[in-house]
Amino acid sequence: MKKNLIWIFMVIAAVTLLLEYSPIKSAEAAVTLEVFNPRGEIKTLSPLAPSPRVTDLAAKKIGIYWNEKAGGNNFWDVIEELLTQAFPTAKIVRYRGPFDLGVTKAATIAKECDTFIYGVGD
């Protein structure tokens, strides 16, 4: 029985020493991981100030942009009629084109109109 206890204590001591000075343990302590965001870095643009609002539509040139979706012409006809009734001195100019105005068309409308309404269907 004494021999068995001695062997058990020796095994416990050996296991303790092995765990204490284990190369696996020291390798784990030396590992450092650097984790990167897979989405990348998002650079934000500085916000733009809103355009000054038109205080009165009387005698103004109002542009209406429509992307030519079916039925939209009926809606914009009514909007034009309501604007003409409310502001008889205002001039309404209609524009048509794709969903994305593009920089060139937007610049043209900005030069030609005091304000405009952009509308798309779907």
C-alpha atoms as a PDB file:
ATOM      1  CA  MET A   1       0.000   0.000   0.000  1.00  0.00           C
ATOM      2  CA  LYS A   2       2.876   2.351   0.863  1.00  0.00           C
ATOM      3  CA  LYS A   3       4.445   1.589  -2.522  1.00  0.00           C
ATOM      4  CA  ASN A   4       1.184   2.386  -4.300  1.00  0.00           C
ATOM      5  CA  LEU A   5       0.851   5.719  -2.504  1.00  0.00           C
ATOM      6  CA  ILE A   6       4.446   6.597  -3.311  1.00  0.00           C
ATOM      7  CA  TRP A   7       3.840   5.787  -6.982  1.00  0.00           C
ATOM      8  CA  ILE A   8       0.641   7.858  -7.027  1.00  0.00           C
ATOM      9  CA  PHE A   9       2.445  10.858  -5.492  1.00  0.00           C
ATOM     10  CA  MET A  10       5.308  10.455  -7.961  1.00  0.00           C
ATOM     11  CA  VAL A  11       2.899  10.335 -10.891  1.00  0.00           C
ATOM     12  CA  ILE A  12       1.056  13.415  -9.601  1.00  0.00           C
ATOM     13  CA  ALA A  13       4.369  15.247  -9.163  1.00  0.00           C
ATOM     14  CA  ALA A  14       5.522  14.224 -12.652  1.00  0.00           C
ATOM     15  CA  VAL A  15       2.249  15.320 -14.253  1.00  0.00           C
ATOM     16  CA  THR A  16       2.366  18.610 -12.350  1.00  0.00           C
ATOM     17  CA  LEU A  17       5.934  19.256 -13.531  1.00  0.00           C
ATOM     18  CA  LEU A  18       5.043  18.327 -17.089  1.00  0.00           C
ATOM     19  CA  LEU A  19       2.058  20.658 -17.088  1.00  0.00           C
ATOM     20  CA  GLU A  20       4.055  23.460 -15.474  1.00  0.00           C
ATOM     21  CA  TYR A  21       6.916  23.329 -17.960  1.00  0.00           C
ATOM     22  CA  SER A  22       4.982  22.035 -20.945  1.00  0.00           C
ATOM     23  CA  PRO A  23       6.131  23.388 -24.329  1.00  0.00           C
ATOM     24  CA  ILE A  24       2.466  23.560 -25.358  1.00  0.00           C
ATOM     25  CA  LYS A  25       1.654  25.960 -22.539  1.00  0.00           C
ATOM     26  CA  SER A  26       4.559  28.285 -23.323  1.00  0.00           C
ATOM     27  CA  ALA A  27       3.689  28.206 -27.047  1.00  0.00           C
ATOM     28  CA  GLU A  28       0.124  29.224 -26.243  1.00  0.00           C
ATOM     29  CA  ALA A  29       1.309  32.153 -24.179  1.00  0.00           C
ATOM     30  CA  ALA A  30       3.525  33.405 -27.019  1.00  0.00           C
ATOM     31  CA  VAL A  31       0.771  33.473 -29.671  1.00  0.00           C
ATOM     32  CA  THR A  32      -0.868  36.787 -30.461  1.00  0.00           C
ATOM     33  CA  LEU A  33      -3.588  37.177 -33.024  1.00  0.00           C
ATOM     34  CA  GLU A  34      -4.458  40.331 -34.918  1.00  0.00           C
ATOM     35  CA  VAL A  35      -8.004  40.290 -36.249  1.00  0.00           C
ATOM     36  CA  PHE A  36      -9.010  42.468 -39.192  1.00  0.00           C
ATOM     37  CA  ASN A  37     -12.479  43.636 -40.136  1.00  0.00           C
ATOM     38  CA  PRO A  38     -13.325  41.828 -43.415  1.00  0.00           C
ATOM     39  CA  ARG A  39     -15.520  44.724 -44.530  1.00  0.00           C
ATOM     40  CA  GLY A  40     -12.554  47.046 -44.659  1.00  0.00           C
ATOM     41  CA  GLU A  41     -12.328  50.614 -43.542  1.00  0.00           C
ATOM     42  CA  ILE A  42     -15.192  52.910 -44.470  1.00  0.00           C
ATOM     43  CA  LYS A  43     -14.168  56.467 -45.166  1.00  0.00           C
ATOM     44  CA  THR A  44     -17.000  58.908 -44.657  1.00  0.00           C
ATOM     45  CA  LEU A  45     -17.439  62.084 -46.592  1.00  0.00           C
ATOM     46  CA  SER A  46     -18.004  65.324 -44.783  1.00  0.00           C
ATOM     47  CA  PRO A  47     -21.720  66.160 -44.783  1.00  0.00           C
ATOM     48  CA  LEU A  48     -23.017  68.862 -47.072  1.00  0.00           C
ATOM     49  CA  ALA A  49     -25.176  71.681 -45.832  1.00  0.00           C
ATOM     50  CA  PRO A  50     -28.756  71.568 -47.121  1.00  0.00           C
ATOM     51  CA  SER A  51     -29.614  73.876 -49.982  1.00  0.00           C
ATOM     52  CA  PRO A  52     -31.365  77.081 -49.031  1.00  0.00           C
ATOM     53  CA  ARG A  53     -35.138  76.651 -49.224  1.00  0.00           C
ATOM     54  CA  VAL A  54     -37.291  78.618 -51.636  1.00  0.00           C
ATOM     55  CA  THR A  55     -39.601  80.754 -49.517  1.00  0.00           C
ATOM     56  CA  ASP A  56     -42.154  81.544 -52.235  1.00  0.00           C
ATOM     57  CA  LEU A  57     -42.895  79.816 -55.534  1.00  0.00           C
ATOM     58  CA  ALA A  58     -44.565  82.840 -57.160  1.00  0.00           C
ATOM     59  CA  ALA A  59     -42.757  83.809 -60.390  1.00  0.00           C
ATOM     60  CA  LYS A  60     -40.280  80.962 -59.933  1.00  0.00           C
ATOM     61  CA  LYS A  61     -39.225  78.368 -62.474  1.00  0.00           C
ATOM     62  CA  ILE A  62     -40.150  74.919 -61.087  1.00  0.00           C
ATOM     63  CA  GLY A  63     -38.655  71.807 -62.646  1.00  0.00           C
ATOM     64  CA  ILE A  64     -40.391  68.435 -62.464  1.00  0.00           C
ATOM     65  CA  TYR A  65     -38.216  65.367 -63.108  1.00  0.00           C
ATOM     66  CA  TRP A  66     -39.889  62.042 -63.844  1.00  0.00           C
ATOM     67  CA  ASN A  67     -38.241  58.704 -64.674  1.00  0.00           C
ATOM     68  CA  GLU A  68     -40.960  57.730 -67.204  1.00  0.00           C
ATOM     69  CA  LYS A  69     -42.461  54.867 -65.211  1.00  0.00           C
ATOM     70  CA  ALA A  70     -45.961  53.896 -66.284  1.00  0.00           C
ATOM     71  CA  GLY A  71     -48.684  56.020 -64.718  1.00  0.00           C
ATOM     72  CA  GLY A  72     -46.259  58.625 -63.411  1.00  0.00           C
ATOM     73  CA  ASN A  73     -47.280  61.066 -66.124  1.00  0.00           C
ATOM     74  CA  ASN A  74     -50.823  61.159 -64.675  1.00  0.00           C
ATOM     75  CA  PHE A  75     -49.462  61.980 -61.230  1.00  0.00           C
ATOM     76  CA  TRP A  76     -47.136  64.716 -62.521  1.00  0.00           C
ATOM     77  CA  ASP A  77     -49.910  66.208 -64.693  1.00  0.00           C
ATOM     78  CA  VAL A  78     -52.015  66.689 -61.539  1.00  0.00           C
ATOM     79  CA  ILE A  79     -49.022  68.106 -59.594  1.00  0.00           C
ATOM     80  CA  GLU A  80     -48.363  70.569 -62.424  1.00  0.00           C
ATOM     81  CA  GLU A  81     -52.022  71.576 -62.481  1.00  0.00           C
ATOM     82  CA  LEU A  82     -52.088  72.123 -58.689  1.00  0.00           C
ATOM     83  CA  LEU A  83     -48.884  74.181 -58.796  1.00  0.00           C
ATOM     84  CA  THR A  84     -50.235  76.301 -61.662  1.00  0.00           C
ATOM     85  CA  GLN A  85     -53.461  76.964 -59.723  1.00  0.00           C
ATOM     86  CA  ALA A  86     -51.632  77.857 -56.512  1.00  0.00           C
ATOM     87  CA  PHE A  87     -48.882  79.900 -58.209  1.00  0.00           C
ATOM     88  CA  PRO A  88     -50.171  81.245 -61.556  1.00  0.00           C
ATOM     89  CA  THR A  89     -46.982  83.270 -62.190  1.00  0.00           C
ATOM     90  CA  ALA A  90     -44.718  80.246 -61.760  1.00  0.00           C
ATOM     91  CA  LYS A  91     -43.377  78.473 -64.824  1.00  0.00           C
ATOM     92  CA  ILE A  92     -43.319  74.666 -64.826  1.00  0.00           C
ATOM     93  CA  VAL A  93     -40.630  72.843 -66.825  1.00  0.00           C
ATOM     94  CA  ARG A  94     -40.843  69.053 -67.296  1.00  0.00           C
ATOM     95  CA  TYR A  95     -37.798  66.773 -67.494  1.00  0.00           C
ATOM     96  CA  ARG A  96     -37.692  63.042 -68.210  1.00  0.00           C
ATOM     97  CA  GLY A  97     -34.957  60.464 -68.020  1.00  0.00           C
ATOM     98  CA  PRO A  98     -33.530  57.495 -66.149  1.00  0.00           C
ATOM     99  CA  PHE A  99     -33.644  56.991 -62.375  1.00  0.00           C
ATOM    100  CA  ASP A 100     -30.140  58.438 -61.973  1.00  0.00           C
ATOM    101  CA  LEU A 101     -30.023  62.032 -63.133  1.00  0.00           C
ATOM    102  CA  GLY A 102     -26.279  62.044 -63.535  1.00  0.00           C
ATOM    103  CA  VAL A 103     -24.061  65.007 -62.772  1.00  0.00           C
ATOM    104  CA  THR A 104     -24.541  66.712 -66.168  1.00  0.00           C
ATOM    105  CA  LYS A 105     -28.343  66.610 -66.171  1.00  0.00           C
ATOM    106  CA  ALA A 106     -28.510  67.678 -62.499  1.00  0.00           C
ATOM    107  CA  ALA A 107     -26.259  70.657 -63.239  1.00  0.00           C
ATOM    108  CA  THR A 108     -28.425  71.629 -66.229  1.00  0.00           C
ATOM    109  CA  ILE A 109     -31.617  71.496 -64.164  1.00  0.00           C
ATOM    110  CA  ALA A 110     -29.948  73.469 -61.353  1.00  0.00           C
ATOM    111  CA  LYS A 111     -29.006  76.241 -63.824  1.00  0.00           C
ATOM    112  CA  GLU A 112     -32.415  76.337 -65.530  1.00  0.00           C
ATOM    113  CA  CYS A 113     -34.718  76.181 -62.463  1.00  0.00           C
ATOM    114  CA  ASP A 114     -35.149  77.922 -59.136  1.00  0.00           C
ATOM    115  CA  THR A 115     -36.343  74.663 -57.578  1.00  0.00           C
ATOM    116  CA  PHE A 116     -37.373  71.233 -58.760  1.00  0.00           C
ATOM    117  CA  ILE A 117     -39.265  68.124 -57.772  1.00  0.00           C
ATOM    118  CA  TYR A 118     -37.659  64.739 -58.392  1.00  0.00           C
ATOM    119  CA  GLY A 119     -39.972  61.759 -58.614  1.00  0.00           C
ATOM    120  CA  VAL A 120     -39.596  58.131 -59.567  1.00  0.00           C
ATOM    121  CA  GLY A 121     -42.063  55.281 -59.874  1.00  0.00           C
ATOM    122  CA  ASP A 122     -42.234  51.722 -58.549  1.00  0.00           C
END
